[in-house]
């Protein structure tokens, strides 16, 4: 094992605690950001900053070819802080593009660089109507849904590209995030997930779990997380300890 991980979105709400966990486990973490300011933050965290835009395919391929990471983790999102309603309509469009086009660029570069495993952030709150609690095999909302159809299509594209990449692919369907840097102190919807527990799931998935999809949330009547808790040994109550 090369002990090198390429973490796209390392400066984000999940990326920061995830970077800490990976570094504590002995990984050399190369973390992406589009901002020089955030590059300084990553460096302070012990992450090797990589300033790159996921839409810059040539630069992305060059960077990954040079690093040759064992694992690539996609924690990229393009959503406003605290899911600001005034910004959400435009953000959903950007996020769908990121999940489709951005994921393709990252997966292609990762495979070309010889990585062995790809882990990607997805969401668990766009299941279609039907029997609950929802399990990973249940259908997502249709593309024709008036509000979240484009989001569902973006998720389908992301998941398909990761799972059909030709390397080990793990998709983590997170519940709505709460906790530090999310804008929400407490759960805001059924089957939410604390951002630190979400990071822990990704850290576990670096070395555990077979190719597939895992619901990662606080299980309730709406969602089953039996696969993540049973197969990965993940616990929704897990939290970082203080330094």
C-alpha atoms as a PDB file:
ATOM      1  CA  UNK A   1       0.000   0.000   0.000  1.00  0.00           C
ATOM      2  CA  UNK A   2       1.339   3.397  -0.959  1.00  0.00           C
ATOM      3  CA  UNK A   3      -0.354   5.082   2.027  1.00  0.00           C
ATOM      4  CA  UNK A   4      -1.308   8.015  -0.211  1.00  0.00           C
ATOM      5  CA  UNK A   5      -4.866   9.333  -0.471  1.00  0.00           C
ATOM      6  CA  UNK A   6      -6.210  11.981  -2.808  1.00  0.00           C
ATOM      7  CA  UNK A   7      -9.106  13.766  -1.092  1.00  0.00           C
ATOM      8  CA  UNK A   8     -11.210  16.005  -3.307  1.00  0.00           C
ATOM      9  CA  UNK A   9     -12.974  18.564  -1.125  1.00  0.00           C
ATOM     10  CA  UNK A  10     -10.523  18.349   1.772  1.00  0.00           C
ATOM     11  CA  UNK A  11     -11.387  21.836   3.059  1.00  0.00           C
ATOM     12  CA  UNK A  12     -15.105  21.075   3.349  1.00  0.00           C
ATOM     13  CA  UNK A  13     -17.237  20.226   6.373  1.00  0.00           C
ATOM     14  CA  UNK A  14     -16.571  16.492   5.979  1.00  0.00           C
ATOM     15  CA  UNK A  15     -13.151  16.892   4.415  1.00  0.00           C
ATOM     16  CA  UNK A  16     -11.571  18.562   7.430  1.00  0.00           C
ATOM     17  CA  UNK A  17     -12.401  15.936  10.090  1.00  0.00           C
ATOM     18  CA  UNK A  18     -11.780  13.199   7.522  1.00  0.00           C
ATOM     19  CA  UNK A  19      -8.299  14.582   6.826  1.00  0.00           C
ATOM     20  CA  UNK A  20      -7.531  14.460  10.528  1.00  0.00           C
ATOM     21  CA  UNK A  21      -8.632  10.845  10.799  1.00  0.00           C
ATOM     22  CA  UNK A  22      -6.634   9.762   7.772  1.00  0.00           C
ATOM     23  CA  UNK A  23      -3.469  11.513   8.921  1.00  0.00           C
ATOM     24  CA  UNK A  24      -3.807   9.945  12.375  1.00  0.00           C
ATOM     25  CA  UNK A  25      -3.965   6.566  10.624  1.00  0.00           C
ATOM     26  CA  UNK A  26      -0.674   7.205   8.854  1.00  0.00           C
ATOM     27  CA  UNK A  27      -1.931   8.268   5.436  1.00  0.00           C
ATOM     28  CA  UNK A  28      -0.291  10.976   3.375  1.00  0.00           C
ATOM     29  CA  UNK A  29      -3.288  13.110   2.387  1.00  0.00           C
ATOM     30  CA  UNK A  30      -3.293  15.206  -0.758  1.00  0.00           C
ATOM     31  CA  UNK A  31      -6.287  17.518  -0.461  1.00  0.00           C
ATOM     32  CA  UNK A  32      -7.853  19.647  -3.162  1.00  0.00           C
ATOM     33  CA  UNK A  33      -9.128  23.183  -3.016  1.00  0.00           C
ATOM     34  CA  UNK A  34      -9.703  25.899  -5.599  1.00  0.00           C
ATOM     35  CA  UNK A  35      -8.552  28.581  -3.164  1.00  0.00           C
ATOM     36  CA  UNK A  36      -5.015  29.611  -2.205  1.00  0.00           C
ATOM     37  CA  UNK A  37      -6.440  30.798   1.123  1.00  0.00           C
ATOM     38  CA  UNK A  38      -7.832  27.344   1.878  1.00  0.00           C
ATOM     39  CA  UNK A  39      -4.571  25.798   0.714  1.00  0.00           C
ATOM     40  CA  UNK A  40      -2.902  27.468   3.693  1.00  0.00           C
ATOM     41  CA  UNK A  41      -5.581  26.002   5.981  1.00  0.00           C
ATOM     42  CA  UNK A  42      -4.981  22.511   4.594  1.00  0.00           C
ATOM     43  CA  UNK A  43      -1.251  22.824   5.052  1.00  0.00           C
ATOM     44  CA  UNK A  44      -1.790  23.829   8.685  1.00  0.00           C
ATOM     45  CA  UNK A  45      -3.895  20.679   9.124  1.00  0.00           C
ATOM     46  CA  UNK A  46      -1.053  18.521   7.838  1.00  0.00           C
ATOM     47  CA  UNK A  47      -2.589  18.003   4.405  1.00  0.00           C
ATOM     48  CA  UNK A  48      -0.541  18.432   1.230  1.00  0.00           C
ATOM     49  CA  UNK A  49      -2.649  21.063  -0.574  1.00  0.00           C
ATOM     50  CA  UNK A  50      -3.450  20.679  -4.262  1.00  0.00           C
ATOM     51  CA  UNK A  51      -4.987  23.752  -5.877  1.00  0.00           C
ATOM     52  CA  UNK A  52      -7.016  22.364  -8.766  1.00  0.00           C
ATOM     53  CA  UNK A  53     -10.460  22.712 -10.318  1.00  0.00           C
ATOM     54  CA  UNK A  54     -12.149  19.381 -11.009  1.00  0.00           C
ATOM     55  CA  UNK A  55     -13.267  20.760 -14.386  1.00  0.00           C
ATOM     56  CA  UNK A  56      -9.639  21.308 -15.425  1.00  0.00           C
ATOM     57  CA  UNK A  57      -9.196  17.789 -16.772  1.00  0.00           C
ATOM     58  CA  UNK A  58      -5.631  18.201 -18.000  1.00  0.00           C
ATOM     59  CA  UNK A  59      -4.364  19.574 -14.681  1.00  0.00           C
ATOM     60  CA  UNK A  60      -6.354  17.001 -12.687  1.00  0.00           C
ATOM     61  CA  UNK A  61      -4.951  14.093 -14.684  1.00  0.00           C
ATOM     62  CA  UNK A  62      -1.423  15.456 -14.375  1.00  0.00           C
ATOM     63  CA  UNK A  63      -1.689  15.870 -10.600  1.00  0.00           C
ATOM     64  CA  UNK A  64      -3.084  12.392 -10.008  1.00  0.00           C
ATOM     65  CA  UNK A  65      -0.559  10.782 -12.351  1.00  0.00           C
ATOM     66  CA  UNK A  66       2.212  12.368 -10.311  1.00  0.00           C
ATOM     67  CA  UNK A  67       0.778  11.433  -6.897  1.00  0.00           C
ATOM     68  CA  UNK A  68      -0.416   7.915  -7.817  1.00  0.00           C
ATOM     69  CA  UNK A  69      -2.673   7.543  -4.766  1.00  0.00           C
ATOM     70  CA  UNK A  70      -3.894   4.208  -3.503  1.00  0.00           C
ATOM     71  CA  UNK A  71      -7.343   5.666  -2.758  1.00  0.00           C
ATOM     72  CA  UNK A  72      -9.301   8.614  -4.159  1.00  0.00           C
ATOM     73  CA  UNK A  73     -12.123  10.129  -2.109  1.00  0.00           C
ATOM     74  CA  UNK A  74     -14.700  12.477  -3.587  1.00  0.00           C
ATOM     75  CA  UNK A  75     -16.253  14.807  -0.990  1.00  0.00           C
ATOM     76  CA  UNK A  76     -16.978  17.648  -3.445  1.00  0.00           C
ATOM     77  CA  UNK A  77     -20.182  19.669  -3.173  1.00  0.00           C
ATOM     78  CA  UNK A  78     -21.247  23.127  -4.319  1.00  0.00           C
ATOM     79  CA  UNK A  79     -23.960  24.067  -1.839  1.00  0.00           C
ATOM     80  CA  UNK A  80     -24.473  27.265   0.201  1.00  0.00           C
ATOM     81  CA  UNK A  81     -23.763  27.393   3.927  1.00  0.00           C
ATOM     82  CA  UNK A  82     -26.749  26.201   5.962  1.00  0.00           C
ATOM     83  CA  UNK A  83     -28.520  25.412   2.673  1.00  0.00           C
ATOM     84  CA  UNK A  84     -29.554  29.059   2.257  1.00  0.00           C
ATOM     85  CA  UNK A  85     -32.946  28.961   0.515  1.00  0.00           C
ATOM     86  CA  UNK A  86     -32.206  32.054  -1.582  1.00  0.00           C
ATOM     87  CA  UNK A  87     -29.214  30.315  -3.151  1.00  0.00           C
ATOM     88  CA  UNK A  88     -30.448  26.735  -3.376  1.00  0.00           C
ATOM     89  CA  UNK A  89     -32.100  26.795  -6.816  1.00  0.00           C
ATOM     90  CA  UNK A  90     -28.883  27.787  -8.582  1.00  0.00           C
ATOM     91  CA  UNK A  91     -26.800  25.617  -6.258  1.00  0.00           C
ATOM     92  CA  UNK A  92     -28.749  22.467  -7.123  1.00  0.00           C
ATOM     93  CA  UNK A  93     -27.925  22.999 -10.800  1.00  0.00           C
ATOM     94  CA  UNK A  94     -24.228  23.505 -10.033  1.00  0.00           C
ATOM     95  CA  UNK A  95     -24.186  20.508  -7.728  1.00  0.00           C
ATOM     96  CA  UNK A  96     -25.795  18.244 -10.322  1.00  0.00           C
ATOM     97  CA  UNK A  97     -23.098  19.247 -12.821  1.00  0.00           C
ATOM     98  CA  UNK A  98     -20.414  18.599 -10.223  1.00  0.00           C
ATOM     99  CA  UNK A  99     -21.782  15.135  -9.529  1.00  0.00           C
ATOM    100  CA  UNK A 100     -21.988  14.301 -13.226  1.00  0.00           C
ATOM    101  CA  UNK A 101     -19.159  16.058 -15.063  1.00  0.00           C
ATOM    102  CA  UNK A 102     -16.900  16.607 -12.065  1.00  0.00           C
ATOM    103  CA  UNK A 103     -17.190  12.985 -10.972  1.00  0.00           C
ATOM    104  CA  UNK A 104     -16.370  11.764 -14.467  1.00  0.00           C
ATOM    105  CA  UNK A 105     -13.210  13.859 -14.574  1.00  0.00           C
ATOM    106  CA  UNK A 106     -12.107  12.686 -11.142  1.00  0.00           C
ATOM    107  CA  UNK A 107     -12.892   9.004 -11.764  1.00  0.00           C
ATOM    108  CA  UNK A 108     -11.158   9.021 -15.154  1.00  0.00           C
ATOM    109  CA  UNK A 109      -8.039  10.635 -13.672  1.00  0.00           C
ATOM    110  CA  UNK A 110      -8.063   8.274 -10.686  1.00  0.00           C
ATOM    111  CA  UNK A 111      -8.298   5.148 -12.835  1.00  0.00           C
ATOM    112  CA  UNK A 112      -5.586   6.393 -15.204  1.00  0.00           C
ATOM    113  CA  UNK A 113      -3.334   7.024 -12.193  1.00  0.00           C
ATOM    114  CA  UNK A 114      -3.767   3.417 -11.049  1.00  0.00           C
ATOM    115  CA  UNK A 115      -5.776   3.931  -7.863  1.00  0.00           C
ATOM    116  CA  UNK A 116      -7.280   0.832  -6.253  1.00  0.00           C
ATOM    117  CA  UNK A 117     -10.377   2.268  -4.577  1.00  0.00           C
ATOM    118  CA  UNK A 118     -12.718   5.225  -5.106  1.00  0.00           C
ATOM    119  CA  UNK A 119     -15.037   6.451  -2.336  1.00  0.00           C
ATOM    120  CA  UNK A 120     -17.698   9.038  -3.134  1.00  0.00           C
ATOM    121  CA  UNK A 121     -20.204  11.137  -1.260  1.00  0.00           C
ATOM    122  CA  UNK A 122     -23.851  10.682  -2.249  1.00  0.00           C
ATOM    123  CA  UNK A 123     -27.149  11.427  -0.469  1.00  0.00           C
ATOM    124  CA  UNK A 124     -29.820   9.261   1.138  1.00  0.00           C
ATOM    125  CA  UNK A 125     -32.769  11.661   1.120  1.00  0.00           C
ATOM    126  CA  UNK A 126     -33.932  11.397  -2.494  1.00  0.00           C
ATOM    127  CA  UNK A 127     -35.498   7.946  -2.424  1.00  0.00           C
ATOM    128  CA  UNK A 128     -38.752   7.669  -4.321  1.00  0.00           C
ATOM    129  CA  UNK A 129     -41.995   6.963  -2.502  1.00  0.00           C
ATOM    130  CA  UNK A 130     -42.439   3.394  -1.413  1.00  0.00           C
ATOM    131  CA  UNK A 131     -42.105   0.995   1.483  1.00  0.00           C
ATOM    132  CA  UNK A 132     -39.914   2.198   4.325  1.00  0.00           C
ATOM    133  CA  UNK A 133     -37.369   2.032   5.827  1.00  0.00           C
ATOM    134  CA  UNK A 134     -35.573   2.551   2.529  1.00  0.00           C
ATOM    135  CA  UNK A 135     -32.689   0.233   1.692  1.00  0.00           C
ATOM    136  CA  UNK A 136     -29.922   0.845  -0.823  1.00  0.00           C
ATOM    137  CA  UNK A 137     -31.653  -1.107  -3.594  1.00  0.00           C
ATOM    138  CA  UNK A 138     -34.771   1.115  -3.554  1.00  0.00           C
ATOM    139  CA  UNK A 139     -35.324   3.474  -6.519  1.00  0.00           C
ATOM    140  CA  UNK A 140     -34.475   7.152  -6.327  1.00  0.00           C
ATOM    141  CA  UNK A 141     -36.767   9.985  -7.339  1.00  0.00           C
ATOM    142  CA  UNK A 142     -37.531  10.112 -11.064  1.00  0.00           C
ATOM    143  CA  UNK A 143     -35.829  12.614 -13.366  1.00  0.00           C
ATOM    144  CA  UNK A 144     -39.237  14.209 -13.896  1.00  0.00           C
ATOM    145  CA  UNK A 145     -39.551  15.263 -10.239  1.00  0.00           C
ATOM    146  CA  UNK A 146     -40.302  19.031 -10.303  1.00  0.00           C
ATOM    147  CA  UNK A 147     -37.776  20.034  -7.623  1.00  0.00           C
ATOM    148  CA  UNK A 148     -35.193  17.266  -7.175  1.00  0.00           C
ATOM    149  CA  UNK A 149     -35.286  15.495 -10.541  1.00  0.00           C
ATOM    150  CA  UNK A 150     -31.984  17.017 -11.645  1.00  0.00           C
ATOM    151  CA  UNK A 151     -30.432  16.213  -8.268  1.00  0.00           C
ATOM    152  CA  UNK A 152     -31.532  12.580  -8.564  1.00  0.00           C
ATOM    153  CA  UNK A 153     -30.087  12.349 -12.060  1.00  0.00           C
ATOM    154  CA  UNK A 154     -26.806  13.792 -10.815  1.00  0.00           C
ATOM    155  CA  UNK A 155     -26.697  11.203  -8.057  1.00  0.00           C
ATOM    156  CA  UNK A 156     -27.453   8.361 -10.457  1.00  0.00           C
ATOM    157  CA  UNK A 157     -24.628   9.535 -12.702  1.00  0.00           C
ATOM    158  CA  UNK A 158     -22.177   9.863  -9.818  1.00  0.00           C
ATOM    159  CA  UNK A 159     -22.992   6.455  -8.400  1.00  0.00           C
ATOM    160  CA  UNK A 160     -22.889   4.689 -11.750  1.00  0.00           C
ATOM    161  CA  UNK A 161     -19.503   6.178 -12.623  1.00  0.00           C
ATOM    162  CA  UNK A 162     -17.985   5.168  -9.285  1.00  0.00           C
ATOM    163  CA  UNK A 163     -19.441   1.670  -9.240  1.00  0.00           C
ATOM    164  CA  UNK A 164     -18.591   0.967 -12.882  1.00  0.00           C
ATOM    165  CA  UNK A 165     -15.104   2.485 -12.795  1.00  0.00           C
ATOM    166  CA  UNK A 166     -13.325  -0.856 -12.976  1.00  0.00           C
ATOM    167  CA  UNK A 167     -11.767  -0.410  -9.524  1.00  0.00           C
ATOM    168  CA  UNK A 168     -13.288  -0.905  -6.067  1.00  0.00           C
ATOM    169  CA  UNK A 169     -16.033   1.699  -5.751  1.00  0.00           C
ATOM    170  CA  UNK A 170     -17.863   2.647  -2.563  1.00  0.00           C
ATOM    171  CA  UNK A 171     -20.744   5.120  -2.467  1.00  0.00           C
ATOM    172  CA  UNK A 172     -21.767   6.643   0.867  1.00  0.00           C
ATOM    173  CA  UNK A 173     -25.327   7.956   0.816  1.00  0.00           C
ATOM    174  CA  UNK A 174     -25.215  10.513   3.608  1.00  0.00           C
ATOM    175  CA  UNK A 175     -28.227  11.871   5.421  1.00  0.00           C
ATOM    176  CA  UNK A 176     -28.601  15.633   5.805  1.00  0.00           C
ATOM    177  CA  UNK A 177     -25.507  16.886   7.582  1.00  0.00           C
ATOM    178  CA  UNK A 178     -25.412  18.721  10.887  1.00  0.00           C
ATOM    179  CA  UNK A 179     -22.616  19.716  13.238  1.00  0.00           C
ATOM    180  CA  UNK A 180     -19.516  21.931  12.851  1.00  0.00           C
ATOM    181  CA  UNK A 181     -19.286  24.011   9.661  1.00  0.00           C
ATOM    182  CA  UNK A 182     -22.669  22.834   8.341  1.00  0.00           C
ATOM    183  CA  UNK A 183     -24.821  25.671   9.683  1.00  0.00           C
ATOM    184  CA  UNK A 184     -26.949  23.273  11.733  1.00  0.00           C
ATOM    185  CA  UNK A 185     -26.271  22.343  15.350  1.00  0.00           C
ATOM    186  CA  UNK A 186     -28.914  19.609  15.478  1.00  0.00           C
ATOM    187  CA  UNK A 187     -30.627  17.221  13.045  1.00  0.00           C
ATOM    188  CA  UNK A 188     -32.857  19.116  10.616  1.00  0.00           C
ATOM    189  CA  UNK A 189     -34.711  16.178   9.074  1.00  0.00           C
ATOM    190  CA  UNK A 190     -35.293  12.460   9.541  1.00  0.00           C
ATOM    191  CA  UNK A 191     -32.235  10.274   8.979  1.00  0.00           C
ATOM    192  CA  UNK A 192     -29.738  13.127   9.329  1.00  0.00           C
ATOM    193  CA  UNK A 193     -26.081  12.477  10.152  1.00  0.00           C
ATOM    194  CA  UNK A 194     -23.487  14.316  12.216  1.00  0.00           C
ATOM    195  CA  UNK A 195     -20.648  15.533  10.021  1.00  0.00           C
ATOM    196  CA  UNK A 196     -18.004  13.793  12.160  1.00  0.00           C
ATOM    197  CA  UNK A 197     -19.810  10.465  11.952  1.00  0.00           C
ATOM    198  CA  UNK A 198     -20.039  10.999   8.182  1.00  0.00           C
ATOM    199  CA  UNK A 199     -16.280  11.534   8.050  1.00  0.00           C
ATOM    200  CA  UNK A 200     -15.731   8.374  10.094  1.00  0.00           C
ATOM    201  CA  UNK A 201     -17.726   6.342   7.563  1.00  0.00           C
ATOM    202  CA  UNK A 202     -15.416   7.507   4.772  1.00  0.00           C
ATOM    203  CA  UNK A 203     -12.335   6.740   6.851  1.00  0.00           C
ATOM    204  CA  UNK A 204     -13.608   3.210   7.530  1.00  0.00           C
ATOM    205  CA  UNK A 205     -14.415   2.713   3.836  1.00  0.00           C
ATOM    206  CA  UNK A 206     -10.775   3.303   2.916  1.00  0.00           C
ATOM    207  CA  UNK A 207      -9.920  -0.209   4.069  1.00  0.00           C
ATOM    208  CA  UNK A 208     -13.265  -1.975   4.631  1.00  0.00           C
ATOM    209  CA  UNK A 209     -16.328  -2.840   2.595  1.00  0.00           C
ATOM    210  CA  UNK A 210     -16.941  -4.276  -0.843  1.00  0.00           C
ATOM    211  CA  UNK A 211     -17.963  -2.309  -3.930  1.00  0.00           C
ATOM    212  CA  UNK A 212     -21.476  -0.992  -3.402  1.00  0.00           C
ATOM    213  CA  UNK A 213     -23.776   1.625  -1.886  1.00  0.00           C
ATOM    214  CA  UNK A 214     -24.166   2.267   1.844  1.00  0.00           C
ATOM    215  CA  UNK A 215     -26.776   4.422   3.616  1.00  0.00           C
ATOM    216  CA  UNK A 216     -24.933   6.512   6.208  1.00  0.00           C
ATOM    217  CA  UNK A 217     -27.344   8.267   8.566  1.00  0.00           C
ATOM    218  CA  UNK A 218     -29.095   8.018  11.900  1.00  0.00           C
ATOM    219  CA  UNK A 219     -31.472   5.192  11.190  1.00  0.00           C
ATOM    220  CA  UNK A 220     -35.185   5.679  11.821  1.00  0.00           C
ATOM    221  CA  UNK A 221     -38.465   4.546  10.309  1.00  0.00           C
ATOM    222  CA  UNK A 222     -37.556   6.176   6.981  1.00  0.00           C
ATOM    223  CA  UNK A 223     -34.113   4.696   6.352  1.00  0.00           C
ATOM    224  CA  UNK A 224     -32.186   1.496   7.020  1.00  0.00           C
ATOM    225  CA  UNK A 225     -28.467   1.742   7.765  1.00  0.00           C
ATOM    226  CA  UNK A 226     -28.062  -1.940   8.544  1.00  0.00           C
ATOM    227  CA  UNK A 227     -25.591  -2.426   5.693  1.00  0.00           C
ATOM    228  CA  UNK A 228     -23.233   0.332   6.915  1.00  0.00           C
ATOM    229  CA  UNK A 229     -23.417  -0.710  10.556  1.00  0.00           C
ATOM    230  CA  UNK A 230     -23.160  -4.424   9.844  1.00  0.00           C
ATOM    231  CA  UNK A 231     -20.643  -4.505   6.993  1.00  0.00           C
ATOM    232  CA  UNK A 232     -18.509  -1.467   7.784  1.00  0.00           C
ATOM    233  CA  UNK A 233     -18.970  -1.499  11.547  1.00  0.00           C
ATOM    234  CA  UNK A 234     -20.002   2.154  11.381  1.00  0.00           C
ATOM    235  CA  UNK A 235     -21.730   3.857  14.333  1.00  0.00           C
ATOM    236  CA  UNK A 236     -23.868   6.986  13.852  1.00  0.00           C
ATOM    237  CA  UNK A 237     -23.037   8.090  17.413  1.00  0.00           C
ATOM    238  CA  UNK A 238     -19.300   8.291  16.741  1.00  0.00           C
ATOM    239  CA  UNK A 239     -17.670  11.702  17.372  1.00  0.00           C
ATOM    240  CA  UNK A 240     -14.137  13.093  17.259  1.00  0.00           C
ATOM    241  CA  UNK A 241     -12.347  13.401  20.569  1.00  0.00           C
ATOM    242  CA  UNK A 242     -10.860  16.775  21.507  1.00  0.00           C
ATOM    243  CA  UNK A 243      -7.203  17.435  20.801  1.00  0.00           C
END
